[in-house]
Amino acid sequence: MLLELTPDQEVFREATARFLADRVPPEEIRRLRDDPAGFTPDYWRAGAELGWTSPLVAEEHGGGSISGAGRTDLTILAHEFGACAAPGPLAAANVVMSALSGALALEGSGGEAHLAVLESLLSGGSFATCALGEPGLTLGVPDQVRVQVRADGGDVVLDGLARPVESAAQASHILVTAKVAGSETGFAQVLVPTATPGVTVAPLRTVDLTRRFSVVTFDGVRLPAEAVVGSLGDAAEQIERQFQVAAILACAESVGAMQTSFDTTVRWAFERYSFGRPLASYQELKHRFADMKMWLEASHAICDKAAAAVDAGAPEAAELVTAAKAYIGECSTDLLQDCVQIHGGIGVTFEHDLHFYLRRVTVNRTLFGTPATHRARLAGIFEHLKEQAA
């Protein structure tokens, strides 16, 4: 998270931090472990009132950011979500908000059909999630897209399945990325009401106790053409932007979890005595803490740099987001494993809080592309840049 926040950003951060500490403390997260939703509608509605849903929505549509840099403001929220292991589809919901706001700004895109949906999402009366697939090795070409869409008269029809989709069972709509039938490179995005006939949602089990994921199946789902967000077959650029937003928010969440876990472990090491000395006085642990601190500060820095580049629409945005996702994906799990080891036996118990953060970064490592995927993607970006320079 940014080392120096503006006064407005600090108020935004503090309000969210206080709210999450009050509404979802560790004991509440434990209580919700078997809850089908993982959070209550009132929780999300109150978060919307705090500004969780508005940073990527244009002011003329009822949104607005704190600093004028909505994606950076969202990373502040995501950091607090990670720091508390808080539930709620923050990244997925805001990807949808951004897509709908963008559609409304494009004349003839069918965006007006989504205005009522956007207003409901902004208020927190409902929320939407997204099924993006994974970023492919080529920019703008998503991978693992198993949904196909075809035009049929004045309608569009979807078939296939999407996984994993966060909070799909509780969402009112899903923004679905789909391949266009008959096209090898064409992609489209369709806003699908979850109550539409042919939509089936089945829960997935994951290691994260605070979030819920599902497999969503589309069997001949028929919708009016206005359900398409953007253009049919020409959605590659908007999908790439959404990947960047989703990935950087996942990174910010992981950095928040890393920070809380590191601070907790440092305190433990000074309070816990072994052979008459605090654990923190042993040289081996000092060296390990130094490594962890380096990973943590570098993760803060690359996450902030990537978020600023995405906000500015900089040419290097894709490169920085990909580097951040690869680096933080690796370092977050390494840091959390070290924190667990330093705590000893208590670190692996359900009663201790560390496992919430370990579970969070483990799932975030795989969402929107694994470190291995992003390293390969980064190599492809560099190769493309080399060819352009030649």
Foldseek 3Di string as FASTA:
>chain_A
DDPDDDPQLVVLLVVLLVLCCVQPAPVNLVVQLPPQQLDDLVSQLVVLVSQLQALLADVVLPGHDRPLLSLLSNLSNLLSCLLRLAADDSLFQNLVLNLLRVLVVDPPQLSVVCSVVNVCCSSSVFTEGEQLAACALDQLAHPPQFKEWEDDVQKIWIFGKGPWIWSLVRHQWYFYWHHYPPDPRFIWTFIGGCPFPQWDWAWDDALASNITTTMIGGDGGMDGPSRIRGDGRPCSVSSSLSLLSSLLSLLSSLLSNLVNLLVVLVVQQCVDDDPRHRNCVDPVVVVVNVVSVVLSVVLVVLSSVLSVCSSVVHPCNLLSSLVSLLSSLVSSLVSLVVSLVSVPPVSPDPPDDSSNSNRSSPVSCPPNHHSVSSVSSNVSVVVVVVVVVD
